Every structure is written in C-alpha cells, then in structure tokens.
Amino acid sequence: MSVGVRKVNGMTHQARQQAEAPLGEYLRSEDVLRLLPISQRSLERLKRRGQIPYIRAGGGRLILFKRADVSKALDRLTVRG
C-alpha cells in the first residue's frame, strides 16, 4: 500500500512543479486532469462542491481554471504522512 502512496506523492510533486506558473494563466479541463491525479468525474465533483473555482467561457462550453487555483487544489489533495 505504501508503494501506491509514494507513486501518488511522486505524481503530485511533479504536477505541483508544472502547476506553479505566473498568476493569470488559465488551463482547460484536460490540462487540469494531466496535472492532478484525478478522474474527469472527480474534477466535476470538485467543481460542483466549489472546491476548485472555474470560469465558463465560449458560451458555457469551455471551462477554464486559474493555475494558482489548481495549485491550491493540488495542495489539498496531496497525501501527507
């Protein structure tokens, strides 16, 4: 079981490094899924619960996330032990 935790921690460390960028940059849902080790369904759940802020653009069909918000969500999802 600890091997899985290390793998998740390793993925989140790499994702955190990629997510840390100048404020004001936006990511699409696909980009967020590559950075956070979660499924599309989990991302939808985080959005619905207000745990990760997002912006609707393009007539509501395009969802954008601020990199800083994704980085904060990553910190909350990181397994610490």
C-alpha atoms as a PDB file:
ATOM      1  CA  MET A   1       0.000   0.000   0.000  1.00  0.00           C
ATOM      2  CA  SER A   2       2.825   2.437   0.735  1.00  0.00           C
ATOM      3  CA  VAL A   3       4.114   1.944  -2.817  1.00  0.00           C
ATOM      4  CA  GLY A   4       0.836   3.415  -4.108  1.00  0.00           C
ATOM      5  CA  VAL A   5       1.146   6.377  -1.757  1.00  0.00           C
ATOM      6  CA  ARG A   6       4.683   7.061  -2.947  1.00  0.00           C
ATOM      7  CA  LYS A   7       3.516   6.922  -6.544  1.00  0.00           C
ATOM      8  CA  VAL A   8       0.698   9.385  -5.819  1.00  0.00           C
ATOM      9  CA  ASN A   9       3.083  11.629  -3.888  1.00  0.00           C
ATOM     10  CA  GLY A  10       5.561  11.492  -6.767  1.00  0.00           C
ATOM     11  CA  MET A  11       2.877  12.379  -9.283  1.00  0.00           C
ATOM     12  CA  THR A  12       1.614  15.256  -7.179  1.00  0.00           C
ATOM     13  CA  HIS A  13       5.148  16.606  -6.706  1.00  0.00           C
ATOM     14  CA  GLN A  14       5.668  16.655 -10.469  1.00  0.00           C
ATOM     15  CA  ALA A  15       2.205  18.122 -11.016  1.00  0.00           C
ATOM     16  CA  ARG A  16       2.866  20.846  -8.428  1.00  0.00           C
ATOM     17  CA  GLN A  17       6.041  21.858 -10.253  1.00  0.00           C
ATOM     18  CA  GLN A  18       4.139  22.082 -13.544  1.00  0.00           C
ATOM     19  CA  ALA A  19       1.208  23.970 -11.978  1.00  0.00           C
ATOM     20  CA  GLU A  20       3.382  26.666 -10.403  1.00  0.00           C
ATOM     21  CA  ALA A  21       3.389  29.386 -13.036  1.00  0.00           C
ATOM     22  CA  PRO A  22       2.678  33.109 -13.177  1.00  0.00           C
ATOM     23  CA  LEU A  23      -0.781  34.108 -11.967  1.00  0.00           C
ATOM     24  CA  GLY A  24      -3.311  34.913 -14.613  1.00  0.00           C
ATOM     25  CA  GLU A  25      -2.675  31.845 -16.756  1.00  0.00           C
ATOM     26  CA  TYR A  26      -5.616  29.579 -17.420  1.00  0.00           C
ATOM     27  CA  LEU A  27      -5.928  25.844 -18.017  1.00  0.00           C
ATOM     28  CA  ARG A  28      -8.588  23.776 -19.757  1.00  0.00           C
ATOM     29  CA  SER A  29     -10.143  20.753 -18.034  1.00  0.00           C
ATOM     30  CA  GLU A  30      -7.849  18.409 -19.993  1.00  0.00           C
ATOM     31  CA  ASP A  31      -4.801  20.276 -18.707  1.00  0.00           C
ATOM     32  CA  VAL A  32      -6.036  20.095 -15.117  1.00  0.00           C
ATOM     33  CA  LEU A  33      -6.591  16.341 -15.413  1.00  0.00           C
ATOM     34  CA  ARG A  34      -2.981  15.939 -16.549  1.00  0.00           C
ATOM     35  CA  LEU A  35      -1.720  17.956 -13.572  1.00  0.00           C
ATOM     36  CA  LEU A  36      -3.925  16.474 -10.855  1.00  0.00           C
ATOM     37  CA  PRO A  37      -4.002  12.703 -10.356  1.00  0.00           C
ATOM     38  CA  ILE A  38      -7.831  12.583 -10.567  1.00  0.00           C
ATOM     39  CA  SER A  39     -10.510  11.401 -12.989  1.00  0.00           C
ATOM     40  CA  GLN A  40     -12.887  13.561 -15.025  1.00  0.00           C
ATOM     41  CA  ARG A  41     -15.661  12.595 -12.604  1.00  0.00           C
ATOM     42  CA  SER A  42     -13.583  13.737  -9.616  1.00  0.00           C
ATOM     43  CA  LEU A  43     -12.899  17.071 -11.329  1.00  0.00           C
ATOM     44  CA  GLU A  44     -16.633  17.525 -11.901  1.00  0.00           C
ATOM     45  CA  ARG A  45     -17.251  16.748  -8.224  1.00  0.00           C
ATOM     46  CA  LEU A  46     -14.634  19.303  -7.108  1.00  0.00           C
ATOM     47  CA  LYS A  47     -16.254  21.932  -9.335  1.00  0.00           C
ATOM     48  CA  ARG A  48     -19.766  21.137  -8.110  1.00  0.00           C
ATOM     49  CA  ARG A  49     -18.694  21.340  -4.450  1.00  0.00           C
ATOM     50  CA  GLY A  50     -16.879  24.620  -5.027  1.00  0.00           C
ATOM     51  CA  GLN A  51     -13.513  23.112  -4.090  1.00  0.00           C
ATOM     52  CA  ILE A  52     -11.877  24.300  -7.301  1.00  0.00           C
ATOM     53  CA  PRO A  53     -13.024  27.590  -8.851  1.00  0.00           C
ATOM     54  CA  TYR A  54     -13.601  27.759 -12.593  1.00  0.00           C
ATOM     55  CA  ILE A  55     -14.754  30.118 -15.324  1.00  0.00           C
ATOM     56  CA  ARG A  56     -17.217  29.348 -18.109  1.00  0.00           C
ATOM     57  CA  ALA A  57     -16.251  30.801 -21.482  1.00  0.00           C
ATOM     58  CA  GLY A  58     -17.233  30.338 -25.100  1.00  0.00           C
ATOM     59  CA  GLY A  59     -20.965  30.316 -24.427  1.00  0.00           C
ATOM     60  CA  GLY A  60     -20.525  27.992 -21.442  1.00  0.00           C
ATOM     61  CA  ARG A  61     -18.887  25.194 -23.404  1.00  0.00           C
ATOM     62  CA  LEU A  62     -15.318  25.997 -22.389  1.00  0.00           C
ATOM     63  CA  ILE A  63     -14.306  25.611 -18.749  1.00  0.00           C
ATOM     64  CA  LEU A  64     -11.117  27.370 -17.603  1.00  0.00           C
ATOM     65  CA  PHE A  65      -9.190  27.140 -14.338  1.00  0.00           C
ATOM     66  CA  LYS A  66      -6.558  29.523 -12.969  1.00  0.00           C
ATOM     67  CA  ARG A  67      -3.201  27.809 -12.474  1.00  0.00           C
ATOM     68  CA  ALA A  68      -2.998  29.218  -8.946  1.00  0.00           C
ATOM     69  CA  ASP A  69      -6.365  27.641  -8.053  1.00  0.00           C
ATOM     70  CA  VAL A  70      -5.236  24.297  -9.468  1.00  0.00           C
ATOM     71  CA  SER A  71      -2.051  24.510  -7.404  1.00  0.00           C
ATOM     72  CA  LYS A  72      -4.096  25.159  -4.243  1.00  0.00           C
ATOM     73  CA  ALA A  73      -6.376  22.217  -5.034  1.00  0.00           C
ATOM     74  CA  LEU A  74      -3.295  20.059  -5.539  1.00  0.00           C
ATOM     75  CA  ASP A  75      -2.041  21.013  -2.076  1.00  0.00           C
ATOM     76  CA  ARG A  76      -5.380  19.957  -0.571  1.00  0.00           C
ATOM     77  CA  LEU A  77      -5.323  16.629  -2.444  1.00  0.00           C
ATOM     78  CA  THR A  78      -1.718  15.753  -1.560  1.00  0.00           C
ATOM     79  CA  VAL A  79      -1.354  12.759   0.745  1.00  0.00           C
ATOM     80  CA  ARG A  80       0.852  13.634   3.678  1.00  0.00           C
ATOM     81  CA  GLY A  81       2.190  11.082   6.020  1.00  0.00           C
END
